[in-house]
Amino acid sequence: MTVAAFLFLVAVAILLPLLCGLVGWRYWRVRKEAPHFAKAHHQLDELRVALMQYDNDFGRYPPDLGLLETLGPQNIPYTGPENLKDPWGHPFVYSLPESGPPHVRCLGHDGVEGGTGIDADLDDR
């Protein structure tokens, strides 16, 4: 065996497991976060329904999401405190435009606006 062939085999023996490990890690990380994304989508749907119920009862949307914990006319809250934070523990971003329905967003795993993959933002629209 020549020196070049030996060095090639050593390089393959070192680089191939490293490459497989990196690809496997990214795949595992995305798969691990999939249930969080499903829960965040579900929470956004629940918040949208709670906001519509609040609007039906009071004729306006609440100025902040915290008011959805208050009791409505039926003596039950519009939503619980567990729905005001995303699955990663970050508060949902709520904006109320001058006209039209409010906008609720989840900032993903990193809690920072923007991002891709597991750090991608989720929208209620």
PDB file of N, CA and C in Angstrom:
ATOM      1  N   MET A   1       0.853  -1.167   0.000  1.00  0.00           N
ATOM      2  CA  MET A   1       0.000   0.000   0.000  1.00  0.00           C
ATOM      3  C   MET A   1       0.900   1.231   0.000  1.00  0.00           C
ATOM      4  N   THR A   2       0.566   2.158  -0.864  1.00  0.00           N
ATOM      5  CA  THR A   2       1.368   3.369  -0.954  1.00  0.00           C
ATOM      6  C   THR A   2       0.969   4.326   0.161  1.00  0.00           C
ATOM      7  N   VAL A   3       1.806   5.305   0.359  1.00  0.00           N
ATOM      8  CA  VAL A   3       1.550   6.312   1.397  1.00  0.00           C
ATOM      9  C   VAL A   3       0.287   7.097   1.050  1.00  0.00           C
ATOM     10  N   ALA A   4       0.092   7.417  -0.213  1.00  0.00           N
ATOM     11  CA  ALA A   4      -1.087   8.180  -0.624  1.00  0.00           C
ATOM     12  C   ALA A   4      -2.364   7.393  -0.356  1.00  0.00           C
ATOM     13  N   ALA A   5      -2.343   6.113  -0.650  1.00  0.00           N
ATOM     14  CA  ALA A   5      -3.524   5.284  -0.398  1.00  0.00           C
ATOM     15  C   ALA A   5      -3.793   5.175   1.094  1.00  0.00           C
ATOM     16  N   PHE A   6      -2.732   5.043   1.879  1.00  0.00           N
ATOM     17  CA  PHE A   6      -2.883   4.965   3.334  1.00  0.00           C
ATOM     18  C   PHE A   6      -3.478   6.261   3.888  1.00  0.00           C
ATOM     19  N   LEU A   7      -2.966   7.405   3.421  1.00  0.00           N
ATOM     20  CA  LEU A   7      -3.487   8.697   3.888  1.00  0.00           C
ATOM     21  C   LEU A   7      -4.943   8.890   3.464  1.00  0.00           C
ATOM     22  N   PHE A   8      -5.283   8.430   2.276  1.00  0.00           N
ATOM     23  CA  PHE A   8      -6.666   8.505   1.815  1.00  0.00           C
ATOM     24  C   PHE A   8      -7.579   7.693   2.723  1.00  0.00           C
ATOM     25  N   LEU A   9      -7.166   6.467   3.065  1.00  0.00           N
ATOM     26  CA  LEU A   9      -7.977   5.628   3.951  1.00  0.00           C
ATOM     27  C   LEU A   9      -8.122   6.240   5.339  1.00  0.00           C
ATOM     28  N   VAL A  10      -7.055   6.835   5.844  1.00  0.00           N
ATOM     29  CA  VAL A  10      -7.115   7.492   7.156  1.00  0.00           C
ATOM     30  C   VAL A  10      -8.064   8.689   7.090  1.00  0.00           C
ATOM     31  N   ALA A  11      -7.965   9.483   6.026  1.00  0.00           N
ATOM     32  CA  ALA A  11      -8.843  10.646   5.884  1.00  0.00           C
ATOM     33  C   ALA A  11     -10.305  10.212   5.799  1.00  0.00           C
ATOM     34  N   VAL A  12     -10.580   9.165   5.036  1.00  0.00           N
ATOM     35  CA  VAL A  12     -11.952   8.667   4.919  1.00  0.00           C
ATOM     36  C   VAL A  12     -12.422   8.115   6.257  1.00  0.00           C
ATOM     37  N   ALA A  13     -11.542   7.408   6.950  1.00  0.00           N
ATOM     38  CA  ALA A  13     -11.917   6.826   8.246  1.00  0.00           C
ATOM     39  C   ALA A  13     -12.208   7.905   9.285  1.00  0.00           C
ATOM     40  N   ILE A  14     -11.625   9.075   9.140  1.00  0.00           N
ATOM     41  CA  ILE A  14     -11.863  10.163  10.101  1.00  0.00           C
ATOM     42  C   ILE A  14     -13.019  11.052   9.634  1.00  0.00           C
ATOM     43  N   LEU A  15     -13.010  11.430   8.360  1.00  0.00           N
ATOM     44  CA  LEU A  15     -13.998  12.385   7.873  1.00  0.00           C
ATOM     45  C   LEU A  15     -15.390  11.792   7.711  1.00  0.00           C
ATOM     46  N   LEU A  16     -15.502  10.566   7.299  1.00  0.00           N
ATOM     47  CA  LEU A  16     -16.815   9.955   7.087  1.00  0.00           C
ATOM     48  C   LEU A  16     -17.639   9.885   8.379  1.00  0.00           C
ATOM     49  N   PRO A  17     -17.077   9.405   9.492  1.00  0.00           N
ATOM     50  CA  PRO A  17     -17.873   9.421  10.730  1.00  0.00           C
ATOM     51  C   PRO A  17     -18.221  10.835  11.198  1.00  0.00           C
ATOM     52  N   LEU A  18     -17.299  11.790  11.002  1.00  0.00           N
ATOM     53  CA  LEU A  18     -17.605  13.172  11.375  1.00  0.00           C
ATOM     54  C   LEU A  18     -18.761  13.727  10.554  1.00  0.00           C
ATOM     55  N   LEU A  19     -18.735  13.491   9.265  1.00  0.00           N
ATOM     56  CA  LEU A  19     -19.813  13.951   8.401  1.00  0.00           C
ATOM     57  C   LEU A  19     -21.138  13.293   8.766  1.00  0.00           C
ATOM     58  N   CYS A  20     -21.113  11.996   9.000  1.00  0.00           N
ATOM     59  CA  CYS A  20     -22.345  11.291   9.396  1.00  0.00           C
ATOM     60  C   CYS A  20     -22.862  11.816  10.735  1.00  0.00           C
ATOM     61  N   GLY A  21     -21.951  12.107  11.638  1.00  0.00           N
ATOM     62  CA  GLY A  21     -22.355  12.637  12.938  1.00  0.00           C
ATOM     63  C   GLY A  21     -23.006  13.997  12.822  1.00  0.00           C
ATOM     64  N   LEU A  22     -22.445  14.871  11.992  1.00  0.00           N
ATOM     65  CA  LEU A  22     -23.023  16.201  11.817  1.00  0.00           C
ATOM     66  C   LEU A  22     -24.392  16.133  11.159  1.00  0.00           C
ATOM     67  N   VAL A  23     -24.514  15.348  10.110  1.00  0.00           N
ATOM     68  CA  VAL A  23     -25.804  15.212   9.433  1.00  0.00           C
ATOM     69  C   VAL A  23     -26.817  14.568  10.372  1.00  0.00           C
ATOM     70  N   GLY A  24     -26.405  13.539  11.073  1.00  0.00           N
ATOM     71  CA  GLY A  24     -27.298  12.867  12.021  1.00  0.00           C
ATOM     72  C   GLY A  24     -27.742  13.789  13.140  1.00  0.00           C
ATOM     73  N   TRP A  25     -26.841  14.619  13.648  1.00  0.00           N
ATOM     74  CA  TRP A  25     -27.171  15.554  14.724  1.00  0.00           C
ATOM     75  C   TRP A  25     -28.225  16.554  14.258  1.00  0.00           C
ATOM     76  N   ARG A  26     -28.033  17.119  13.060  1.00  0.00           N
ATOM     77  CA  ARG A  26     -29.011  18.088  12.554  1.00  0.00           C
ATOM     78  C   ARG A  26     -30.366  17.421  12.338  1.00  0.00           C
ATOM     79  N   TYR A  27     -30.371  16.212  11.797  1.00  0.00           N
ATOM     80  CA  TYR A  27     -31.620  15.484  11.571  1.00  0.00           C
ATOM     81  C   TYR A  27     -32.309  15.192  12.900  1.00  0.00           C
ATOM     82  N   TRP A  28     -31.570  14.740  13.883  1.00  0.00           N
ATOM     83  CA  TRP A  28     -32.136  14.428  15.196  1.00  0.00           C
ATOM     84  C   TRP A  28     -32.681  15.686  15.858  1.00  0.00           C
ATOM     85  N   ARG A  29     -31.951  16.799  15.724  1.00  0.00           N
ATOM     86  CA  ARG A  29     -32.376  18.041  16.359  1.00  0.00           C
ATOM     87  C   ARG A  29     -33.706  18.517  15.768  1.00  0.00           C
ATOM     88  N   VAL A  30     -33.850  18.441  14.438  1.00  0.00           N
ATOM     89  CA  VAL A  30     -35.097  18.858  13.802  1.00  0.00           C
ATOM     90  C   VAL A  30     -36.230  17.919  14.198  1.00  0.00           C
ATOM     91  N   ARG A  31     -35.972  16.624  14.219  1.00  0.00           N
ATOM     92  CA  ARG A  31     -37.009  15.653  14.602  1.00  0.00           C
ATOM     93  C   ARG A  31     -37.426  15.847  16.056  1.00  0.00           C
ATOM     94  N   LYS A  32     -36.488  16.204  16.913  1.00  0.00           N
ATOM     95  CA  LYS A  32     -36.790  16.416  18.321  1.00  0.00           C
ATOM     96  C   LYS A  32     -37.704  17.627  18.513  1.00  0.00           C
ATOM     97  N   GLU A  33     -37.578  18.632  17.660  1.00  0.00           N
ATOM     98  CA  GLU A  33     -38.362  19.861  17.791  1.00  0.00           C
ATOM     99  C   GLU A  33     -39.728  19.787  17.101  1.00  0.00           C
ATOM    100  N   ALA A  34     -39.974  18.776  16.287  1.00  0.00           N
ATOM    101  CA  ALA A  34     -41.235  18.682  15.543  1.00  0.00           C
ATOM    102  C   ALA A  34     -42.469  18.745  16.451  1.00  0.00           C
ATOM    103  N   PRO A  35     -42.500  18.030  17.590  1.00  0.00           N
ATOM    104  CA  PRO A  35     -43.684  18.144  18.456  1.00  0.00           C
ATOM    105  C   PRO A  35     -43.881  19.560  19.011  1.00  0.00           C
ATOM    106  N   HIS A  36     -42.791  20.299  19.222  1.00  0.00           N
ATOM    107  CA  HIS A  36     -42.921  21.675  19.699  1.00  0.00           C
ATOM    108  C   HIS A  36     -43.611  22.542  18.654  1.00  0.00           C
ATOM    109  N   PHE A  37     -43.255  22.340  17.386  1.00  0.00           N
ATOM    110  CA  PHE A  37     -43.896  23.111  16.328  1.00  0.00           C
ATOM    111  C   PHE A  37     -45.377  22.776  16.226  1.00  0.00           C
ATOM    112  N   ALA A  38     -45.724  21.508  16.356  1.00  0.00           N
ATOM    113  CA  ALA A  38     -47.136  21.111  16.312  1.00  0.00           C
ATOM    114  C   ALA A  38     -47.902  21.759  17.457  1.00  0.00           C
ATOM    115  N   LYS A  39     -47.309  21.758  18.646  1.00  0.00           N
ATOM    116  CA  LYS A  39     -47.972  22.378  19.793  1.00  0.00           C
ATOM    117  C   LYS A  39     -48.099  23.889  19.603  1.00  0.00           C
ATOM    118  N   ALA A  40     -47.079  24.525  19.045  1.00  0.00           N
ATOM    119  CA  ALA A  40     -47.141  25.969  18.814  1.00  0.00           C
ATOM    120  C   ALA A  40     -48.258  26.310  17.823  1.00  0.00           C
ATOM    121  N   HIS A  41     -48.398  25.525  16.762  1.00  0.00           N
ATOM    122  CA  HIS A  41     -49.499  25.747  15.814  1.00  0.00           C
ATOM    123  C   HIS A  41     -50.852  25.590  16.512  1.00  0.00           C
ATOM    124  N   HIS A  42     -50.957  24.582  17.367  1.00  0.00           N
ATOM    125  CA  HIS A  42     -52.203  24.362  18.108  1.00  0.00           C
ATOM    126  C   HIS A  42     -52.490  25.549  19.036  1.00  0.00           C
ATOM    127  N   GLN A  43     -51.464  26.035  19.724  1.00  0.00           N
ATOM    128  CA  GLN A  43     -51.656  27.172  20.620  1.00  0.00           C
ATOM    129  C   GLN A  43     -52.068  28.427  19.842  1.00  0.00           C
ATOM    130  N   LEU A  44     -51.465  28.641  18.680  1.00  0.00           N
ATOM    131  CA  LEU A  44     -51.846  29.797  17.864  1.00  0.00           C
ATOM    132  C   LEU A  44     -53.312  29.703  17.448  1.00  0.00           C
ATOM    133  N   ASP A  45     -53.769  28.499  17.115  1.00  0.00           N
ATOM    134  CA  ASP A  45     -55.191  28.315  16.773  1.00  0.00           C
ATOM    135  C   ASP A  45     -56.080  28.612  17.971  1.00  0.00           C
ATOM    136  N   GLU A  46     -55.690  28.135  19.152  1.00  0.00           N
ATOM    137  CA  GLU A  46     -56.487  28.394  20.361  1.00  0.00           C
ATOM    138  C   GLU A  46     -56.521  29.882  20.693  1.00  0.00           C
ATOM    139  N   LEU A  47     -55.397  30.560  20.522  1.00  0.00           N
ATOM    140  CA  LEU A  47     -55.369  32.002  20.785  1.00  0.00           C
ATOM    141  C   LEU A  47     -56.258  32.758  19.793  1.00  0.00           C
ATOM    142  N   ARG A  48     -56.264  32.337  18.549  1.00  0.00           N
ATOM    143  CA  ARG A  48     -57.113  32.981  17.550  1.00  0.00           C
ATOM    144  C   ARG A  48     -58.589  32.837  17.938  1.00  0.00           C
ATOM    145  N   VAL A  49     -58.989  31.645  18.385  1.00  0.00           N
ATOM    146  CA  VAL A  49     -60.377  31.415  18.803  1.00  0.00           C
ATOM    147  C   VAL A  49     -60.699  32.247  20.044  1.00  0.00           C
ATOM    148  N   ALA A  50     -59.775  32.286  21.002  1.00  0.00           N
ATOM    149  CA  ALA A  50     -59.996  33.071  22.224  1.00  0.00           C
ATOM    150  C   ALA A  50     -60.128  34.560  21.895  1.00  0.00           C
ATOM    151  N   LEU A  51     -59.323  35.043  20.956  1.00  0.00           N
ATOM    152  CA  LEU A  51     -59.418  36.449  20.557  1.00  0.00           C
ATOM    153  C   LEU A  51     -60.762  36.744  19.884  1.00  0.00           C
ATOM    154  N   MET A  52     -61.243  35.837  19.065  1.00  0.00           N
ATOM    155  CA  MET A  52     -62.551  36.032  18.424  1.00  0.00           C
ATOM    156  C   MET A  52     -63.669  36.025  19.467  1.00  0.00           C
ATOM    157  N   GLN A  53     -63.579  35.131  20.463  1.00  0.00           N
ATOM    158  CA  GLN A  53     -64.592  35.099  21.523  1.00  0.00           C
ATOM    159  C   GLN A  53     -64.571  36.392  22.330  1.00  0.00           C
ATOM    160  N   TYR A  54     -63.374  36.878  22.647  1.00  0.00           N
ATOM    161  CA  TYR A  54     -63.243  38.136  23.386  1.00  0.00           C
ATOM    162  C   TYR A  54     -63.872  39.273  22.578  1.00  0.00           C
ATOM    163  N   ASP A  55     -63.595  39.313  21.285  1.00  0.00           N
ATOM    164  CA  ASP A  55     -64.157  40.348  20.414  1.00  0.00           C
ATOM    165  C   ASP A  55     -65.685  40.252  20.370  1.00  0.00           C
ATOM    166  N   ASN A  56     -66.225  39.040  20.308  1.00  0.00           N
ATOM    167  CA  ASN A  56     -67.682  38.863  20.310  1.00  0.00           C
ATOM    168  C   ASN A  56     -68.298  39.352  21.613  1.00  0.00           C
ATOM    169  N   ASP A  57     -67.630  39.135  22.746  1.00  0.00           N
ATOM    170  CA  ASP A  57     -68.182  39.512  24.045  1.00  0.00           C
ATOM    171  C   ASP A  57     -68.052  41.011  24.325  1.00  0.00           C
ATOM    172  N   PHE A  58     -66.929  41.631  23.925  1.00  0.00           N
ATOM    173  CA  PHE A  58     -66.661  43.020  24.298  1.00  0.00           C
ATOM    174  C   PHE A  58     -66.681  43.992  23.123  1.00  0.00           C
ATOM    175  N   GLY A  59     -66.793  43.473  21.900  1.00  0.00           N
ATOM    176  CA  GLY A  59     -66.845  44.358  20.736  1.00  0.00           C
ATOM    177  C   GLY A  59     -65.495  44.917  20.332  1.00  0.00           C
ATOM    178  N   ARG A  60     -64.443  44.407  20.883  1.00  0.00           N
ATOM    179  CA  ARG A  60     -63.079  44.847  20.548  1.00  0.00           C
ATOM    180  C   ARG A  60     -62.108  43.746  20.937  1.00  0.00           C
ATOM    181  N   TYR A  61     -60.924  43.832  20.406  1.00  0.00           N
ATOM    182  CA  TYR A  61     -59.880  42.871  20.779  1.00  0.00           C
ATOM    183  C   TYR A  61     -59.142  43.394  22.007  1.00  0.00           C
ATOM    184  N   PRO A  62     -58.578  42.513  22.818  1.00  0.00           N
ATOM    185  CA  PRO A  62     -57.867  42.986  24.014  1.00  0.00           C
ATOM    186  C   PRO A  62     -56.570  43.706  23.628  1.00  0.00           C
ATOM    187  N   PRO A  63     -56.160  44.694  24.436  1.00  0.00           N
ATOM    188  CA  PRO A  63     -54.904  45.388  24.134  1.00  0.00           C
ATOM    189  C   PRO A  63     -53.668  44.499  24.327  1.00  0.00           C
ATOM    190  N   ASP A  64     -53.772  43.470  25.156  1.00  0.00           N
ATOM    191  CA  ASP A  64     -52.667  42.512  25.296  1.00  0.00           C
ATOM    192  C   ASP A  64     -53.226  41.117  25.573  1.00  0.00           C
ATOM    193  N   LEU A  65     -52.417  40.112  25.310  1.00  0.00           N
ATOM    194  CA  LEU A  65     -52.876  38.723  25.452  1.00  0.00           C
ATOM    195  C   LEU A  65     -53.185  38.343  26.897  1.00  0.00           C
ATOM    196  N   GLY A  66     -52.594  39.022  27.858  1.00  0.00           N
ATOM    197  CA  GLY A  66     -52.838  38.709  29.268  1.00  0.00           C
ATOM    198  C   GLY A  66     -54.299  38.823  29.656  1.00  0.00           C
ATOM    199  N   LEU A  67     -55.048  39.663  28.977  1.00  0.00           N
ATOM    200  CA  LEU A  67     -56.474  39.825  29.291  1.00  0.00           C
ATOM    201  C   LEU A  67     -57.295  38.600  28.914  1.00  0.00           C
ATOM    202  N   LEU A  68     -56.738  37.710  28.116  1.00  0.00           N
ATOM    203  CA  LEU A  68     -57.468  36.483  27.765  1.00  0.00           C
ATOM    204  C   LEU A  68     -57.578  35.534  28.951  1.00  0.00           C
ATOM    205  N   GLU A  69     -56.810  35.797  30.010  1.00  0.00           N
ATOM    206  CA  GLU A  69     -56.920  34.984  31.231  1.00  0.00           C
ATOM    207  C   GLU A  69     -58.086  35.425  32.105  1.00  0.00           C
ATOM    208  N   THR A  70     -58.667  36.587  31.806  1.00  0.00           N
ATOM    209  CA  THR A  70     -59.785  37.076  32.619  1.00  0.00           C
ATOM    210  C   THR A  70     -61.042  36.273  32.315  1.00  0.00           C
ATOM    211  N   LEU A  71     -61.992  36.354  33.214  1.00  0.00           N
ATOM    212  CA  LEU A  71     -63.241  35.622  33.045  1.00  0.00           C
ATOM    213  C   LEU A  71     -64.158  36.352  32.083  1.00  0.00           C
ATOM    214  N   GLY A  72     -64.752  35.603  31.190  1.00  0.00           N
ATOM    215  CA  GLY A  72     -65.735  36.161  30.262  1.00  0.00           C
ATOM    216  C   GLY A  72     -67.117  36.132  30.880  1.00  0.00           C
ATOM    217  N   PRO A  73     -68.144  36.494  30.122  1.00  0.00           N
ATOM    218  CA  PRO A  73     -69.518  36.510  30.634  1.00  0.00           C
ATOM    219  C   PRO A  73     -69.993  35.146  31.144  1.00  0.00           C
ATOM    220  N   GLN A  74     -69.429  34.062  30.630  1.00  0.00           N
ATOM    221  CA  GLN A  74     -69.827  32.721  31.089  1.00  0.00           C
ATOM    222  C   GLN A  74     -69.032  32.284  32.328  1.00  0.00           C
ATOM    223  N   ASN A  75     -68.257  33.197  32.906  1.00  0.00           N
ATOM    224  CA  ASN A  75     -67.460  32.928  34.113  1.00  0.00           C
ATOM    225  C   ASN A  75     -66.350  31.904  33.881  1.00  0.00           C
ATOM    226  N   ILE A  76     -65.861  31.805  32.674  1.00  0.00           N
ATOM    227  CA  ILE A  76     -64.701  30.949  32.377  1.00  0.00           C
ATOM    228  C   ILE A  76     -63.686  31.797  31.609  1.00  0.00           C
ATOM    229  N   PRO A  77     -62.405  31.558  31.819  1.00  0.00           N
ATOM    230  CA  PRO A  77     -61.400  32.354  31.098  1.00  0.00           C
ATOM    231  C   PRO A  77     -61.368  31.984  29.608  1.00  0.00           C
ATOM    232  N   TYR A  78     -60.928  32.910  28.816  1.00  0.00           N
ATOM    233  CA  TYR A  78     -60.830  32.667  27.369  1.00  0.00           C
ATOM    234  C   TYR A  78     -59.712  31.665  27.071  1.00  0.00           C
ATOM    235  N   THR A  79     -58.668  31.712  27.841  1.00  0.00           N
ATOM    236  CA  THR A  79     -57.570  30.758  27.719  1.00  0.00           C
ATOM    237  C   THR A  79     -56.806  30.719  29.035  1.00  0.00           C
ATOM    238  N   GLY A  80     -56.019  29.677  29.212  1.00  0.00           N
ATOM    239  CA  GLY A  80     -55.223  29.551  30.423  1.00  0.00           C
ATOM    240  C   GLY A  80     -53.833  30.138  30.246  1.00  0.00           C
ATOM    241  N   PRO A  81     -53.115  30.319  31.343  1.00  0.00           N
ATOM    242  CA  PRO A  81     -51.777  30.909  31.261  1.00  0.00           C
ATOM    243  C   PRO A  81     -50.794  30.048  30.460  1.00  0.00           C
ATOM    244  N   GLU A  82     -51.055  28.743  30.368  1.00  0.00           N
ATOM    245  CA  GLU A  82     -50.150  27.859  29.624  1.00  0.00           C
ATOM    246  C   GLU A  82     -50.179  28.145  28.128  1.00  0.00           C
ATOM    247  N   ASN A  83     -51.235  28.803  27.645  1.00  0.00           N
ATOM    248  CA  ASN A  83     -51.326  29.119  26.219  1.00  0.00           C
ATOM    249  C   ASN A  83     -50.753  30.481  25.872  1.00  0.00           C
ATOM    250  N   LEU A  84     -50.262  31.214  26.846  1.00  0.00           N
ATOM    251  CA  LEU A  84     -49.707  32.535  26.572  1.00  0.00           C
ATOM    252  C   LEU A  84     -48.201  32.483  26.325  1.00  0.00           C
ATOM    253  N   LYS A  85     -47.602  31.319  26.503  1.00  0.00           N
ATOM    254  CA  LYS A  85     -46.177  31.117  26.195  1.00  0.00           C
ATOM    255  C   LYS A  85     -46.059  29.970  25.216  1.00  0.00           C
ATOM    256  N   ASP A  86     -45.104  30.088  24.319  1.00  0.00           N
ATOM    257  CA  ASP A  86     -44.916  29.031  23.322  1.00  0.00           C
ATOM    258  C   ASP A  86     -44.262  27.807  23.970  1.00  0.00           C
ATOM    259  N   PRO A  87     -44.141  26.701  23.243  1.00  0.00           N
ATOM    260  CA  PRO A  87     -43.580  25.481  23.831  1.00  0.00           C
ATOM    261  C   PRO A  87     -42.147  25.625  24.332  1.00  0.00           C
ATOM    262  N   TRP A  88     -41.447  26.659  23.890  1.00  0.00           N
ATOM    263  CA  TRP A  88     -40.070  26.879  24.332  1.00  0.00           C
ATOM    264  C   TRP A  88     -40.011  27.850  25.503  1.00  0.00           C
ATOM    265  N   GLY A  89     -41.172  28.326  25.980  1.00  0.00           N
ATOM    266  CA  GLY A  89     -41.223  29.208  27.146  1.00  0.00           C
ATOM    267  C   GLY A  89     -41.168  30.695  26.830  1.00  0.00           C
ATOM    268  N   HIS A  90     -41.193  31.058  25.553  1.00  0.00           N
ATOM    269  CA  HIS A  90     -41.167  32.467  25.164  1.00  0.00           C
ATOM    270  C   HIS A  90     -42.600  32.976  25.024  1.00  0.00           C
ATOM    271  N   PRO A  91     -42.852  34.234  25.384  1.00  0.00           N
ATOM    272  CA  PRO A  91     -44.201  34.767  25.184  1.00  0.00           C
ATOM    273  C   PRO A  91     -44.498  34.933  23.695  1.00  0.00           C
ATOM    274  N   PHE A  92     -45.752  34.753  23.327  1.00  0.00           N
ATOM    275  CA  PHE A  92     -46.164  35.004  21.952  1.00  0.00           C
ATOM    276  C   PHE A  92     -46.083  36.506  21.681  1.00  0.00           C
ATOM    277  N   VAL A  93     -45.797  36.871  20.456  1.00  0.00           N
ATOM    278  CA  VAL A  93     -45.741  38.277  20.055  1.00  0.00           C
ATOM    279  C   VAL A  93     -47.129  38.657  19.554  1.00  0.00           C
ATOM    280  N   TYR A  94     -47.700  39.682  20.165  1.00  0.00           N
ATOM    281  CA  TYR A  94     -49.076  40.105  19.868  1.00  0.00           C
ATOM    282  C   TYR A  94     -49.047  41.545  19.384  1.00  0.00           C
ATOM    283  N   SER A  95     -49.669  41.788  18.251  1.00  0.00           N
ATOM    284  CA  SER A  95     -49.787  43.164  17.762  1.00  0.00           C
ATOM    285  C   SER A  95     -51.229  43.407  17.349  1.00  0.00           C
ATOM    286  N   LEU A  96     -51.693  44.588  17.679  1.00  0.00           N
ATOM    287  CA  LEU A  96     -53.084  44.975  17.407  1.00  0.00           C
ATOM    288  C   LEU A  96     -53.060  46.172  16.459  1.00  0.00           C
ATOM    289  N   PRO A  97     -53.367  45.937  15.175  1.00  0.00           N
ATOM    290  CA  PRO A  97     -53.350  47.058  14.222  1.00  0.00           C
ATOM    291  C   PRO A  97     -54.521  48.007  14.467  1.00  0.00           C
ATOM    292  N   GLU A  98     -54.469  49.161  13.816  1.00  0.00           N
ATOM    293  CA  GLU A  98     -55.547  50.157  13.947  1.00  0.00           C
ATOM    294  C   GLU A  98     -56.893  49.561  13.554  1.00  0.00           C
ATOM    295  N   SER A  99     -56.902  48.775  12.482  1.00  0.00           N
ATOM    296  CA  SER A  99     -58.143  48.127  12.054  1.00  0.00           C
ATOM    297  C   SER A  99     -57.818  46.702  11.626  1.00  0.00           C
ATOM    298  N   GLY A 100     -58.798  45.861  11.750  1.00  0.00           N
ATOM    299  CA  GLY A 100     -58.599  44.470  11.375  1.00  0.00           C
ATOM    300  C   GLY A 100     -58.237  43.603  12.574  1.00  0.00           C
ATOM    301  N   PRO A 101     -58.096  42.315  12.319  1.00  0.00           N
ATOM    302  CA  PRO A 101     -57.821  41.394  13.423  1.00  0.00           C
ATOM    303  C   PRO A 101     -56.382  41.524  13.930  1.00  0.00           C
ATOM    304  N   PRO A 102     -56.151  41.119  15.167  1.00  0.00           N
ATOM    305  CA  PRO A 102     -54.790  41.169  15.714  1.00  0.00           C
ATOM    306  C   PRO A 102     -53.901  40.112  15.060  1.00  0.00           C
ATOM    307  N   HIS A 103     -52.635  40.247  15.310  1.00  0.00           N
ATOM    308  CA  HIS A 103     -51.629  39.358  14.726  1.00  0.00           C
ATOM    309  C   HIS A 103     -50.851  38.711  15.870  1.00  0.00           C
ATOM    310  N   VAL A 104     -50.792  37.371  15.892  1.00  0.00           N
ATOM    311  CA  VAL A 104     -50.064  36.641  16.935  1.00  0.00           C
ATOM    312  C   VAL A 104     -48.986  35.811  16.259  1.00  0.00           C
ATOM    313  N   ARG A 105     -47.768  35.850  16.810  1.00  0.00           N
ATOM    314  CA  ARG A 105     -46.641  35.108  16.235  1.00  0.00           C
ATOM    315  C   ARG A 105     -45.861  34.390  17.325  1.00  0.00           C
ATOM    316  N   CYS A 106     -45.249  33.303  16.934  1.00  0.00           N
ATOM    317  CA  CYS A 106     -44.317  32.552  17.778  1.00  0.00           C
ATOM    318  C   CYS A 106     -42.949  32.714  17.131  1.00  0.00           C
ATOM    319  N   LEU A 107     -41.932  33.013  17.932  1.00  0.00           N
ATOM    320  CA  LEU A 107     -40.606  33.286  17.387  1.00  0.00           C
ATOM    321  C   LEU A 107     -39.721  32.047  17.281  1.00  0.00           C
ATOM    322  N   GLY A 108     -40.280  30.880  17.476  1.00  0.00           N
ATOM    323  CA  GLY A 108     -39.501  29.650  17.292  1.00  0.00           C
ATOM    324  C   GLY A 108     -38.596  29.324  18.465  1.00  0.00           C
ATOM    325  N   HIS A 109     -37.730  28.362  18.270  1.00  0.00           N
ATOM    326  CA  HIS A 109     -36.859  27.832  19.313  1.00  0.00           C
ATOM    327  C   HIS A 109     -35.965  28.896  19.938  1.00  0.00           C
ATOM    328  N   ASP A 110     -35.404  29.785  19.115  1.00  0.00           N
ATOM    329  CA  ASP A 110     -34.453  30.765  19.634  1.00  0.00           C
ATOM    330  C   ASP A 110     -35.111  31.989  20.265  1.00  0.00           C
ATOM    331  N   GLY A 111     -36.404  32.206  20.018  1.00  0.00           N
ATOM    332  CA  GLY A 111     -37.101  33.349  20.595  1.00  0.00           C
ATOM    333  C   GLY A 111     -36.708  34.681  19.982  1.00  0.00           C
ATOM    334  N   VAL A 112     -36.050  34.648  18.823  1.00  0.00           N
ATOM    335  CA  VAL A 112     -35.604  35.861  18.146  1.00  0.00           C
ATOM    336  C   VAL A 112     -36.304  35.937  16.795  1.00  0.00           C
ATOM    337  N   GLU A 113     -36.687  37.142  16.402  1.00  0.00           N
ATOM    338  CA  GLU A 113     -37.388  37.309  15.132  1.00  0.00           C
ATOM    339  C   GLU A 113     -36.532  36.838  13.968  1.00  0.00           C
ATOM    340  N   GLY A 114     -37.186  36.161  13.016  1.00  0.00           N
ATOM    341  CA  GLY A 114     -36.488  35.623  11.853  1.00  0.00           C
ATOM    342  C   GLY A 114     -35.937  34.241  12.170  1.00  0.00           C
ATOM    343  N   GLY A 115     -35.227  33.687  11.243  1.00  0.00           N
ATOM    344  CA  GLY A 115     -34.613  32.382  11.453  1.00  0.00           C
ATOM    345  C   GLY A 115     -35.165  31.339  10.508  1.00  0.00           C
ATOM    346  N   THR A 116     -34.461  30.231  10.444  1.00  0.00           N
ATOM    347  CA  THR A 116     -34.860  29.121   9.590  1.00  0.00           C
ATOM    348  C   THR A 116     -34.796  27.836  10.402  1.00  0.00           C
ATOM    349  N   GLY A 117     -35.355  26.784   9.867  1.00  0.00           N
ATOM    350  CA  GLY A 117     -35.323  25.496  10.547  1.00  0.00           C
ATOM    351  C   GLY A 117     -36.081  25.560  11.854  1.00  0.00           C
ATOM    352  N   ILE A 118     -35.445  25.099  12.929  1.00  0.00           N
ATOM    353  CA  ILE A 118     -36.126  25.091  14.224  1.00  0.00           C
ATOM    354  C   ILE A 118     -36.244  26.488  14.834  1.00  0.00           C
ATOM    355  N   ASP A 119     -35.525  27.454  14.265  1.00  0.00           N
ATOM    356  CA  ASP A 119     -35.604  28.823  14.745  1.00  0.00           C
ATOM    357  C   ASP A 119     -36.605  29.657  13.942  1.00  0.00           C
ATOM    358  N   ALA A 120     -37.326  29.031  13.020  1.00  0.00           N
ATOM    359  CA  ALA A 120     -38.263  29.767  12.164  1.00  0.00           C
ATOM    360  C   ALA A 120     -39.448  30.286  12.971  1.00  0.00           C
ATOM    361  N   ASP A 121     -39.953  31.434  12.555  1.00  0.00           N
ATOM    362  CA  ASP A 121     -41.121  32.032  13.193  1.00  0.00           C
ATOM    363  C   ASP A 121     -42.391  31.359  12.665  1.00  0.00           C
ATOM    364  N   LEU A 122     -43.395  31.273  13.525  1.00  0.00           N
ATOM    365  CA  LEU A 122     -44.703  30.739  13.148  1.00  0.00           C
ATOM    366  C   LEU A 122     -45.717  31.865  13.240  1.00  0.00           C
ATOM    367  N   ASP A 123     -46.674  31.832  12.347  1.00  0.00           N
ATOM    368  CA  ASP A 123     -47.645  32.905  12.208  1.00  0.00           C
ATOM    369  C   ASP A 123     -49.043  32.366  12.400  1.00  0.00           C
ATOM    370  N   ASP A 124     -49.960  33.185  12.897  1.00  0.00           N
ATOM    371  CA  ASP A 124     -51.340  32.734  13.080  1.00  0.00           C
ATOM    372  C   ASP A 124     -52.160  32.856  11.813  1.00  0.00           C
ATOM    373  N   ARG A 125     -51.586  33.346  10.749  1.00  0.00           N
ATOM    374  CA  ARG A 125     -52.358  33.544   9.505  1.00  0.00           C
ATOM    375  C   ARG A 125     -52.040  32.511   8.483  1.00  0.00           C
TER     376      ARG A 125
END
